[in-house]
């Protein structure tokens, strides 16, 4: 952790928009189903562990531990504010960045949803990803998530659980 974690070395803003072939309520429910086994949807090879500390209808607090083969895992805290039925917000604090993410789902057809993700990363380390790499990672993660949502919806499974 940097000596003065208030120093911000870079700020990046990224917006990603995806179309999801599933109803808006289903997409919202899937995206806001925060649980301890969320590692299932993590980037391949990372296998983070999640611990949901607090869960209510409007707020979620969880801790993420990711071991990258080092003795000490990376730790992140997610503070999530749910604004049903179409918005939610996350503040993520970790050792390298302060990240805020605003999400919104909008119905665009009978079973099609527009998902908008707006990310602001504030890097508190001089070694940070380029904006292009950050955008690639965010978009790639949401491509995976959209595939999971659509597959689960097609199979008739509930969005939660």
Protein backbone atom coordinates (compact mmCIF):
# COMPACT_ATOMS: atom_id res chain seq x y z
CA UNK A 1 0.00 0.00 0.00
CA UNK A 2 1.40 3.42 -0.83
CA UNK A 3 2.51 5.60 2.08
CA UNK A 4 -0.10 8.21 1.31
CA UNK A 5 -3.05 6.31 -0.11
CA UNK A 6 -4.85 9.59 -0.75
CA UNK A 7 -2.48 10.39 -3.61
CA UNK A 8 -4.16 9.56 -6.90
CA UNK A 9 -1.76 8.80 -9.77
CA UNK A 10 -4.41 8.49 -12.48
CA UNK A 11 -8.16 8.67 -12.95
CA UNK A 12 -9.87 6.74 -15.71
CA UNK A 13 -13.52 6.84 -16.76
CA UNK A 14 -14.96 4.06 -18.86
CA UNK A 15 -18.47 3.40 -20.07
CA UNK A 16 -19.59 0.02 -21.36
CA UNK A 17 -23.02 -0.68 -22.86
CA UNK A 18 -24.23 -4.22 -23.52
CA UNK A 19 -27.48 -5.63 -24.87
CA UNK A 20 -28.72 -8.63 -22.92
CA UNK A 21 -31.32 -10.98 -24.38
CA UNK A 22 -33.26 -11.40 -21.14
CA UNK A 23 -35.97 -9.33 -19.41
CA UNK A 24 -34.88 -6.27 -17.42
CA UNK A 25 -36.08 -7.67 -14.07
CA UNK A 26 -34.15 -10.90 -14.67
CA UNK A 27 -30.95 -9.01 -15.54
CA UNK A 28 -31.25 -6.79 -12.45
CA UNK A 29 -31.86 -9.80 -10.20
CA UNK A 30 -28.89 -11.73 -11.62
CA UNK A 31 -26.53 -8.77 -11.36
CA UNK A 32 -27.49 -7.93 -7.79
CA UNK A 33 -27.40 -11.48 -6.39
CA UNK A 34 -24.30 -10.94 -4.25
CA UNK A 35 -23.17 -14.17 -2.59
CA UNK A 36 -20.09 -15.88 -1.25
CA UNK A 37 -19.76 -18.05 -4.35
CA UNK A 38 -19.44 -15.14 -6.79
CA UNK A 39 -16.01 -16.53 -7.69
CA UNK A 40 -17.96 -18.56 -10.28
CA UNK A 41 -18.20 -15.48 -12.48
CA UNK A 42 -14.69 -14.12 -11.84
CA UNK A 43 -12.03 -13.71 -14.50
CA UNK A 44 -10.54 -17.11 -15.38
CA UNK A 45 -7.49 -17.94 -13.28
CA UNK A 46 -8.22 -15.53 -10.41
CA UNK A 47 -10.55 -17.59 -8.17
CA UNK A 48 -11.23 -14.88 -5.57
CA UNK A 49 -13.03 -15.71 -2.34
CA UNK A 50 -15.97 -13.52 -1.38
CA UNK A 51 -17.45 -13.00 2.04
CA UNK A 52 -20.73 -11.16 2.28
CA UNK A 53 -20.53 -9.23 5.55
CA UNK A 54 -23.90 -7.48 5.38
CA UNK A 55 -26.87 -8.05 3.09
CA UNK A 56 -30.12 -6.10 3.06
CA UNK A 57 -32.69 -5.00 0.51
CA UNK A 58 -30.75 -1.76 -0.14
CA UNK A 59 -27.12 -2.40 0.88
CA UNK A 60 -24.45 -5.06 0.54
CA UNK A 61 -21.00 -5.09 2.09
CA UNK A 62 -18.59 -7.77 0.99
CA UNK A 63 -14.90 -8.57 1.12
CA UNK A 64 -12.94 -10.10 -1.74
CA UNK A 65 -9.69 -12.00 -1.18
CA UNK A 66 -7.63 -12.91 -4.23
CA UNK A 67 -4.47 -14.97 -3.90
CA UNK A 68 -2.09 -14.45 -6.81
CA UNK A 69 0.43 -17.00 -5.55
CA UNK A 70 1.81 -14.60 -2.97
CA UNK A 71 1.83 -15.11 0.77
CA UNK A 72 -0.65 -12.28 1.37
CA UNK A 73 -3.89 -12.14 -0.67
CA UNK A 74 -5.13 -8.95 -2.31
CA UNK A 75 -8.04 -7.57 -0.32
CA UNK A 76 -10.92 -5.45 -1.61
CA UNK A 77 -14.03 -4.15 0.09
CA UNK A 78 -17.19 -3.58 -1.94
CA UNK A 79 -19.84 -1.20 -0.61
CA UNK A 80 -22.94 -1.71 -2.76
CA UNK A 81 -26.04 0.45 -2.77
CA UNK A 82 -29.07 -1.12 -4.47
CA UNK A 83 -31.64 1.14 -6.09
CA UNK A 84 -34.30 -1.27 -7.35
CA UNK A 85 -35.62 -1.89 -9.84
CA UNK A 86 -33.09 -0.55 -12.35
CA UNK A 87 -29.93 0.89 -10.73
CA UNK A 88 -27.15 0.04 -8.32
CA UNK A 89 -23.82 1.55 -7.33
CA UNK A 90 -20.56 0.05 -6.03
CA UNK A 91 -17.66 1.69 -4.24
CA UNK A 92 -14.68 -0.66 -4.25
CA UNK A 93 -11.63 -0.01 -2.13
CA UNK A 94 -8.47 -2.03 -2.57
CA UNK A 95 -4.75 -1.55 -2.26
CA UNK A 96 -4.24 -0.22 -5.78
CA UNK A 97 -7.38 1.64 -6.71
CA UNK A 98 -10.54 3.33 -5.56
CA UNK A 99 -13.26 2.35 -7.98
CA UNK A 100 -16.83 3.54 -8.32
CA UNK A 101 -19.25 1.84 -10.66
CA UNK A 102 -22.76 2.95 -11.58
CA UNK A 103 -25.01 0.40 -13.23
CA UNK A 104 -28.34 0.87 -14.96
CA UNK A 105 -30.62 -1.57 -16.76
CA UNK A 106 -33.28 -0.37 -19.19
CA UNK A 107 -35.91 -2.34 -21.08
CA UNK A 108 -35.49 -2.01 -24.85
CA UNK A 109 -37.80 -4.82 -25.98
CA UNK A 110 -39.95 -7.66 -24.71
CA UNK A 111 -36.94 -9.69 -23.57
CA UNK A 112 -34.02 -7.39 -24.30
CA UNK A 113 -32.25 -5.20 -21.78
CA UNK A 114 -29.72 -2.41 -22.20
CA UNK A 115 -27.07 -2.61 -19.49
CA UNK A 116 -24.94 0.48 -18.93
CA UNK A 117 -21.82 0.30 -16.75
CA UNK A 118 -19.96 3.52 -15.88
CA UNK A 119 -16.62 2.97 -14.13
CA UNK A 120 -14.35 5.55 -12.52
CA UNK A 121 -10.98 4.19 -11.39
CA UNK A 122 -8.72 6.27 -9.20
CA UNK A 123 -5.33 4.58 -9.07
CA UNK A 124 -3.42 5.07 -5.81
CA UNK A 125 -0.28 3.37 -7.09
CA UNK A 126 2.14 4.58 -9.76
CA UNK A 127 1.90 1.18 -11.48
CA UNK A 128 -1.55 1.17 -13.04
CA UNK A 129 -3.25 -0.25 -16.11
CA UNK A 130 -3.61 1.87 -19.22
CA UNK A 131 -7.08 3.19 -19.96
CA UNK A 132 -7.27 0.86 -22.97
CA UNK A 133 -6.40 -2.19 -20.84
CA UNK A 134 -8.91 -1.18 -18.18
CA UNK A 135 -11.61 -0.76 -20.85
CA UNK A 136 -10.70 -4.14 -22.37
CA UNK A 137 -10.97 -5.87 -19.00
CA UNK A 138 -14.28 -4.23 -18.09
CA UNK A 139 -15.82 -4.98 -21.48
CA UNK A 140 -14.47 -8.55 -21.46
CA UNK A 141 -15.86 -9.21 -17.99
CA UNK A 142 -19.28 -7.96 -19.02
CA UNK A 143 -19.17 -10.05 -22.22
CA UNK A 144 -18.73 -13.11 -19.96
CA UNK A 145 -21.47 -11.98 -17.58
CA UNK A 146 -23.92 -11.31 -20.42
CA UNK A 147 -23.28 -14.81 -21.77
CA UNK A 148 -23.96 -16.27 -18.31
CA UNK A 149 -27.15 -14.26 -17.86
CA UNK A 150 -28.49 -15.21 -21.29
CA UNK A 151 -27.59 -18.89 -20.86
CA UNK A 152 -29.23 -19.07 -17.44
CA UNK A 153 -32.34 -17.31 -18.74
CA UNK A 154 -32.61 -19.61 -21.79
CA UNK A 155 -32.34 -22.67 -19.54
CA UNK A 156 -35.32 -21.49 -17.47
CA UNK A 157 -33.34 -21.17 -14.23
CA UNK A 158 -34.17 -18.35 -11.83
CA UNK A 159 -31.91 -15.29 -11.89
CA UNK A 160 -30.99 -15.72 -8.23
CA UNK A 161 -29.45 -18.78 -6.68
